[in-house]
Amino acid sequence: MSSYAVRHLPEDLGDVTTLYKKIKKIPFSYTSKAFETEMASNNNYIYVIQREKIGRETFYKLAYRYRCSAFHKAAGNGKWLGQFDFKNTVKYGEDSELEILDPPVAITNEDFNSWYKTQTFGMCEIPIELENLLSILLK
């Protein structure tokens, strides 16, 4: 099983905690990466990571994780929230295995942070050894 990371940018979408009420009903995340979206929707975990910038420093915080089983393309040539091609979510009636961290927990592992800074925006597959580090934060 693979796991994927999705970056949440508060300057574009607001603080991730403001979405928790909606996410508890049915988890979701947005991206424009077609291949990763399709792969993640095969019952793989998606970790939503909020990026925070303070001055020149960049920090990452794990906000929530869910098991993705569906995705939706925006209608026509539209975009979700005006900028994303896909919305990852969960099929009706399926268990999302949602785990929320409120407040989000800082990811302090240098190996993870160094790797994540090199990834392009949107969505990326997480190497197994780094996914294990995120799983530990959820416990």
Protein backbone atom coordinates (compact mmCIF):
# COMPACT_ATOMS: atom_id res chain seq x y z
CA MET A 1 0.00 0.00 0.00
CA SER A 2 1.22 3.48 -0.83
CA SER A 3 0.64 6.74 1.00
CA TYR A 4 0.46 10.25 -0.41
CA ALA A 5 1.07 13.72 0.97
CA VAL A 6 -1.01 16.75 0.07
CA ARG A 7 0.19 20.20 0.97
CA HIS A 8 -2.34 22.58 2.54
CA LEU A 9 -1.42 26.24 2.11
CA PRO A 10 -3.15 28.46 4.68
CA GLU A 11 -2.47 31.61 2.66
CA ASP A 12 -4.68 30.17 -0.12
CA LEU A 13 -7.19 28.03 1.78
CA GLY A 14 -7.18 29.36 5.33
CA ASP A 15 -6.04 27.45 8.39
CA VAL A 16 -6.76 23.74 8.02
CA THR A 17 -8.55 23.62 11.39
CA THR A 18 -11.37 25.75 9.97
CA LEU A 19 -12.19 22.83 7.64
CA TYR A 20 -12.33 20.15 10.34
CA LYS A 21 -16.12 20.30 10.72
CA LYS A 22 -16.56 19.45 7.01
CA ILE A 23 -13.72 16.93 7.03
CA LYS A 24 -15.29 15.00 9.91
CA LYS A 25 -18.41 14.47 7.78
CA ILE A 26 -16.48 13.28 4.73
CA PRO A 27 -12.71 13.71 4.40
CA PHE A 28 -11.31 15.41 1.31
CA SER A 29 -8.30 17.11 -0.15
CA TYR A 30 -7.52 18.90 -3.41
CA THR A 31 -4.79 18.54 -6.01
CA SER A 32 -4.13 18.92 -9.72
CA LYS A 33 -1.91 15.86 -10.08
CA ALA A 34 -3.85 13.31 -12.15
CA PHE A 35 -1.65 10.23 -11.73
CA GLU A 36 -1.24 10.63 -7.96
CA THR A 37 -4.96 11.33 -7.57
CA GLU A 38 -5.90 8.12 -9.32
CA MET A 39 -3.35 6.05 -7.41
CA ALA A 40 -4.35 7.48 -4.04
CA SER A 41 -8.01 6.66 -4.68
CA ASN A 42 -7.19 2.93 -4.60
CA ASN A 43 -7.72 2.82 -0.81
CA ASN A 44 -4.41 4.45 0.01
CA TYR A 45 -3.78 6.92 2.81
CA ILE A 46 -3.58 10.63 2.17
CA TYR A 47 -1.73 12.74 4.72
CA VAL A 48 -2.69 16.40 4.68
CA ILE A 49 0.24 18.57 5.72
CA GLN A 50 -0.13 22.26 6.41
CA ARG A 51 2.81 24.39 5.35
CA GLU A 52 3.51 27.44 7.47
CA LYS A 53 5.98 30.19 6.71
CA ILE A 54 7.31 32.39 9.47
CA GLY A 55 9.80 34.85 8.06
CA ARG A 56 12.20 32.80 5.98
CA GLU A 57 11.49 29.59 7.89
CA THR A 58 9.14 26.91 6.54
CA PHE A 59 7.41 24.52 8.92
CA TYR A 60 5.23 21.51 8.22
CA LYS A 61 2.41 20.28 10.43
CA LEU A 62 0.49 17.05 10.09
CA ALA A 63 -3.21 17.92 10.13
CA TYR A 64 -5.09 14.72 9.25
CA ARG A 65 -4.96 11.40 7.48
CA TYR A 66 -7.68 9.43 5.73
CA ARG A 67 -8.05 6.43 3.46
CA CYS A 68 -9.02 7.67 0.00
CA SER A 69 -11.37 5.61 -2.16
CA ALA A 70 -12.69 8.12 -4.71
CA PHE A 71 -11.89 11.30 -6.57
CA HIS A 72 -13.89 13.79 -8.59
CA LYS A 73 -12.77 15.96 -11.47
CA ALA A 74 -14.17 19.46 -11.48
CA ALA A 75 -17.11 19.85 -13.86
CA GLY A 76 -16.36 20.96 -17.41
CA ASN A 77 -13.18 22.97 -17.50
CA GLY A 78 -13.80 24.19 -13.97
CA LYS A 79 -11.48 23.99 -11.01
CA TRP A 80 -12.17 23.15 -7.37
CA LEU A 81 -11.77 26.36 -5.36
CA GLY A 82 -10.73 28.01 -8.61
CA GLN A 83 -7.35 26.26 -8.74
CA PHE A 84 -7.49 22.46 -8.34
CA ASP A 85 -8.44 19.85 -10.95
CA PHE A 86 -9.31 17.02 -8.53
CA LYS A 87 -10.96 16.46 -5.19
CA ASN A 88 -9.89 13.29 -3.37
CA THR A 89 -12.47 11.85 -1.01
CA VAL A 90 -14.19 8.67 0.20
CA LYS A 91 -16.93 6.63 -1.46
CA TYR A 92 -20.31 6.88 0.24
CA GLY A 93 -20.63 4.36 3.05
CA GLU A 94 -16.95 3.41 3.17
CA ASP A 95 -14.79 3.83 6.25
CA SER A 96 -12.33 6.66 5.79
CA GLU A 97 -10.22 5.73 8.83
CA LEU A 98 -10.01 9.48 9.44
CA GLU A 99 -7.51 10.63 12.04
CA ILE A 100 -7.46 14.35 12.86
CA LEU A 101 -4.80 16.17 14.85
CA ASP A 102 -6.32 19.25 16.46
CA PRO A 103 -4.21 21.28 16.60
CA PRO A 104 -1.95 20.00 13.82
CA VAL A 105 1.34 18.54 15.06
CA ALA A 106 4.70 19.91 13.93
CA ILE A 107 6.78 17.50 11.88
CA THR A 108 10.24 17.88 13.36
CA ASN A 109 12.00 14.98 11.66
CA GLU A 110 14.79 16.46 9.52
CA ASP A 111 14.77 13.52 7.08
CA PHE A 112 11.09 14.07 6.33
CA ASN A 113 11.36 17.86 6.13
CA SER A 114 14.40 17.72 3.83
CA TRP A 115 12.64 15.28 1.52
CA TYR A 116 9.31 17.16 1.53
CA LYS A 117 10.92 20.49 0.64
CA THR A 118 12.14 18.91 -2.61
CA GLN A 119 8.67 17.76 -3.69
CA THR A 120 6.58 19.76 -6.11
CA PHE A 121 3.32 21.27 -4.93
CA GLY A 122 0.19 19.22 -5.17
CA MET A 123 0.48 15.60 -4.19
CA CYS A 124 3.36 13.16 -3.93
CA GLU A 125 3.94 9.56 -2.93
CA ILE A 126 5.60 9.22 0.47
CA PRO A 127 8.54 6.80 0.82
CA ILE A 128 7.63 3.97 3.23
CA GLU A 129 10.25 4.85 5.84
CA LEU A 130 9.00 8.45 5.97
CA GLU A 131 5.35 7.38 6.09
CA ASN A 132 6.18 5.40 9.22
CA LEU A 133 7.39 8.64 10.85
CA LEU A 134 4.04 10.30 10.11
CA SER A 135 2.11 7.31 11.47
CA ILE A 136 3.93 7.71 14.76
CA LEU A 137 2.71 11.32 15.04
CA LEU A 138 -0.89 10.09 14.85
CA LYS A 139 -0.51 7.95 17.97
